């Protein structure tokens, strides 16, 4: 796994951030990892376009579904912020969260959802996880005090066809 951080030298916090980052920096990128990062970067824009398109189609479908209470997706929750800063050809990303309405069988929905299950994000395949349960298992009531549903399912959309994802969610919602 690798990443990068770019600081604006003209930014007002540049000096403090550079100092703080310099104290803890360690060059630990392995040569083999660098090779794979470079290879994966070659198709990055193409993959992001697919993910953006599929995630938006899935979010639109879920938002209109009668068993869905909430869809947390930038297009609906922070659109003005995204539109002000995203590239003209950019989308709203591949990460969304969904909460079913009370009375739905949340476990049946999650268990029958045909996608990989796990707590990661940013893979080439779609991953779903019961985020609040994983992150706050011993403090679910506390999380709900801050409007974070214990039944929230986080979805990290991958490269699958958007219609395939919609079918998988449609089938799972039928069991909910």
Protein backbone atom coordinates (compact mmCIF):
# COMPACT_ATOMS: atom_id res chain seq x y z
CA UNK A 1 0.00 0.00 0.00
CA UNK A 2 1.29 3.44 -0.78
CA UNK A 3 0.22 7.00 -0.98
CA UNK A 4 1.41 10.53 -1.24
CA UNK A 5 0.76 13.95 0.20
CA UNK A 6 1.27 17.17 -1.71
CA UNK A 7 1.57 20.45 0.17
CA UNK A 8 1.15 23.85 -1.41
CA UNK A 9 4.31 25.89 -0.70
CA UNK A 10 2.16 29.04 -0.85
CA UNK A 11 -0.27 27.68 1.76
CA UNK A 12 -0.41 29.46 5.11
CA UNK A 13 0.26 26.23 7.05
CA UNK A 14 3.02 24.94 4.77
CA UNK A 15 5.90 25.58 7.20
CA UNK A 16 4.20 23.96 10.18
CA UNK A 17 3.04 20.97 8.16
CA UNK A 18 6.47 20.40 6.60
CA UNK A 19 8.05 20.55 10.05
CA UNK A 20 5.52 18.12 11.54
CA UNK A 21 5.78 15.72 8.61
CA UNK A 22 9.58 15.89 8.60
CA UNK A 23 9.75 14.68 12.19
CA UNK A 24 7.94 11.43 11.43
CA UNK A 25 8.89 10.75 7.83
CA UNK A 26 10.45 7.43 6.94
CA UNK A 27 11.17 6.41 3.36
CA UNK A 28 9.74 2.90 3.53
CA UNK A 29 8.48 2.40 -0.02
CA UNK A 30 9.80 -0.87 -1.40
CA UNK A 31 10.98 -0.98 -5.00
CA UNK A 32 8.43 -3.69 -5.90
CA UNK A 33 5.62 -1.58 -4.43
CA UNK A 34 6.77 1.41 -6.48
CA UNK A 35 6.64 -0.72 -9.65
CA UNK A 36 3.04 -1.76 -8.94
CA UNK A 37 2.00 1.78 -8.02
CA UNK A 38 3.35 3.03 -11.33
CA UNK A 39 1.66 0.21 -13.29
CA UNK A 40 -1.67 0.82 -11.58
CA UNK A 41 -1.40 4.56 -12.24
CA UNK A 42 -1.44 3.94 -16.00
CA UNK A 43 -5.15 3.03 -16.00
CA UNK A 44 -6.17 5.09 -12.98
CA UNK A 45 -8.31 7.65 -14.83
CA UNK A 46 -10.13 4.96 -16.80
CA UNK A 47 -10.85 2.96 -13.63
CA UNK A 48 -12.04 6.03 -11.74
CA UNK A 49 -14.48 6.88 -14.55
CA UNK A 50 -15.99 3.38 -14.35
CA UNK A 51 -16.18 3.49 -10.55
CA UNK A 52 -17.73 6.98 -10.53
CA UNK A 53 -20.35 5.97 -13.10
CA UNK A 54 -21.27 2.71 -11.36
CA UNK A 55 -21.36 4.26 -7.88
CA UNK A 56 -23.61 7.09 -9.03
CA UNK A 57 -25.98 4.67 -10.80
CA UNK A 58 -26.15 2.50 -7.68
CA UNK A 59 -26.69 5.49 -5.39
CA UNK A 60 -29.49 6.80 -7.64
CA UNK A 61 -31.16 3.38 -7.60
CA UNK A 62 -30.89 3.03 -3.83
CA UNK A 63 -32.13 6.55 -3.14
CA UNK A 64 -35.36 5.78 -5.02
CA UNK A 65 -35.93 2.39 -3.36
CA UNK A 66 -38.78 2.24 -0.80
CA UNK A 67 -36.78 0.09 1.65
CA UNK A 68 -33.94 2.59 1.86
CA UNK A 69 -33.97 5.22 4.59
CA UNK A 70 -30.71 7.03 3.81
CA UNK A 71 -28.05 7.08 1.13
CA UNK A 72 -24.90 8.91 2.16
CA UNK A 73 -23.24 9.91 -1.09
CA UNK A 74 -21.62 13.26 -1.94
CA UNK A 75 -24.03 13.88 -4.82
CA UNK A 76 -26.85 14.17 -2.27
CA UNK A 77 -25.15 15.23 0.96
CA UNK A 78 -22.39 17.66 -0.04
CA UNK A 79 -22.96 18.27 -3.74
CA UNK A 80 -22.17 22.00 -3.67
CA UNK A 81 -18.79 21.33 -2.08
CA UNK A 82 -17.93 18.58 -4.56
CA UNK A 83 -19.12 20.56 -7.56
CA UNK A 84 -17.00 23.54 -6.50
CA UNK A 85 -13.79 21.49 -6.31
CA UNK A 86 -14.03 18.45 -8.56
CA UNK A 87 -12.69 18.31 -12.08
CA UNK A 88 -15.26 19.03 -14.81
CA UNK A 89 -15.14 15.39 -15.89
CA UNK A 90 -14.99 14.07 -12.32
CA UNK A 91 -17.66 12.24 -10.40
CA UNK A 92 -18.61 11.85 -6.77
CA UNK A 93 -16.37 8.91 -5.96
CA UNK A 94 -16.91 5.24 -5.34
CA UNK A 95 -17.77 5.29 -1.64
CA UNK A 96 -21.31 5.41 -0.32
CA UNK A 97 -23.22 4.29 2.74
CA UNK A 98 -26.76 3.04 2.93
CA UNK A 99 -29.27 2.54 5.76
CA UNK A 100 -32.41 0.46 5.38
CA UNK A 101 -35.74 1.59 6.85
CA UNK A 102 -36.80 0.31 10.27
CA UNK A 103 -38.61 -3.00 10.02
CA UNK A 104 -36.38 -4.33 7.25
CA UNK A 105 -34.32 -7.43 7.92
CA UNK A 106 -30.86 -5.85 7.92
CA UNK A 107 -29.03 -9.14 8.44
CA UNK A 108 -30.85 -10.85 5.59
CA UNK A 109 -30.02 -7.89 3.34
CA UNK A 110 -26.33 -7.95 4.17
CA UNK A 111 -25.98 -11.73 4.16
CA UNK A 112 -27.67 -12.09 0.76
CA UNK A 113 -25.81 -9.20 -0.86
CA UNK A 114 -23.68 -10.78 -3.58
CA UNK A 115 -20.41 -8.92 -3.28
CA UNK A 116 -17.19 -9.30 -1.35
CA UNK A 117 -17.49 -8.40 2.33
CA UNK A 118 -14.72 -6.59 4.15
CA UNK A 119 -13.61 -3.40 5.90
CA UNK A 120 -11.43 -1.99 3.14
CA UNK A 121 -12.04 0.41 0.28
CA UNK A 122 -10.54 1.35 -3.05
CA UNK A 123 -10.21 -2.14 -4.50
CA UNK A 124 -11.01 -3.06 -8.10
CA UNK A 125 -13.98 -5.10 -6.85
CA UNK A 126 -16.92 -3.94 -4.77
CA UNK A 127 -16.63 -4.39 -1.02
CA UNK A 128 -19.41 -3.98 1.53
CA UNK A 129 -19.22 -3.94 5.31
CA UNK A 130 -21.50 -3.26 8.27
CA UNK A 131 -19.36 -0.26 9.11
CA UNK A 132 -20.82 0.89 12.42
CA UNK A 133 -20.86 -2.64 13.81
CA UNK A 134 -17.21 -3.12 12.87
CA UNK A 135 -16.03 0.30 14.03
CA UNK A 136 -18.18 0.75 17.16
CA UNK A 137 -19.38 -2.71 18.18
CA UNK A 138 -19.12 -2.02 21.92
CA UNK A 139 -20.62 1.47 21.63
CA UNK A 140 -23.49 1.23 19.16
CA UNK A 141 -25.83 3.33 21.32
CA UNK A 142 -23.17 6.04 21.53
CA UNK A 143 -22.76 6.03 17.72
CA UNK A 144 -26.51 6.39 17.28
CA UNK A 145 -26.47 9.45 19.57
CA UNK A 146 -24.46 11.06 16.77
CA UNK A 147 -26.89 9.91 14.05
CA UNK A 148 -24.71 6.99 12.91
CA UNK A 149 -27.05 4.05 12.43
CA UNK A 150 -25.94 0.68 13.76
CA UNK A 151 -27.33 -0.73 10.49
CA UNK A 152 -25.23 1.42 8.17
CA UNK A 153 -23.64 -0.54 5.33
CA UNK A 154 -20.61 1.02 3.67
CA UNK A 155 -20.14 0.25 -0.02
CA UNK A 156 -16.85 0.72 -1.83
CA UNK A 157 -17.74 0.33 -5.52
CA UNK A 158 -15.31 -1.49 -7.77
CA UNK A 159 -15.04 -2.02 -11.51
CA UNK A 160 -18.12 -4.22 -11.94
CA UNK A 161 -20.79 -3.11 -14.35
CA UNK A 162 -23.23 -0.73 -12.67
CA UNK A 163 -26.25 -2.82 -13.71
CA UNK A 164 -24.69 -5.92 -12.17
CA UNK A 165 -24.32 -4.05 -8.88
CA UNK A 166 -27.87 -2.75 -9.03
CA UNK A 167 -29.15 -6.32 -9.60
CA UNK A 168 -27.16 -7.56 -6.60
CA UNK A 169 -28.64 -4.84 -4.38
CA UNK A 170 -32.13 -5.37 -5.82
CA UNK A 171 -31.96 -9.08 -4.97
CA UNK A 172 -30.67 -8.38 -1.46
CA UNK A 173 -33.36 -5.76 -0.86
CA UNK A 174 -36.02 -8.29 -1.85
CA UNK A 175 -34.81 -10.46 1.05
CA UNK A 176 -34.82 -7.52 3.47
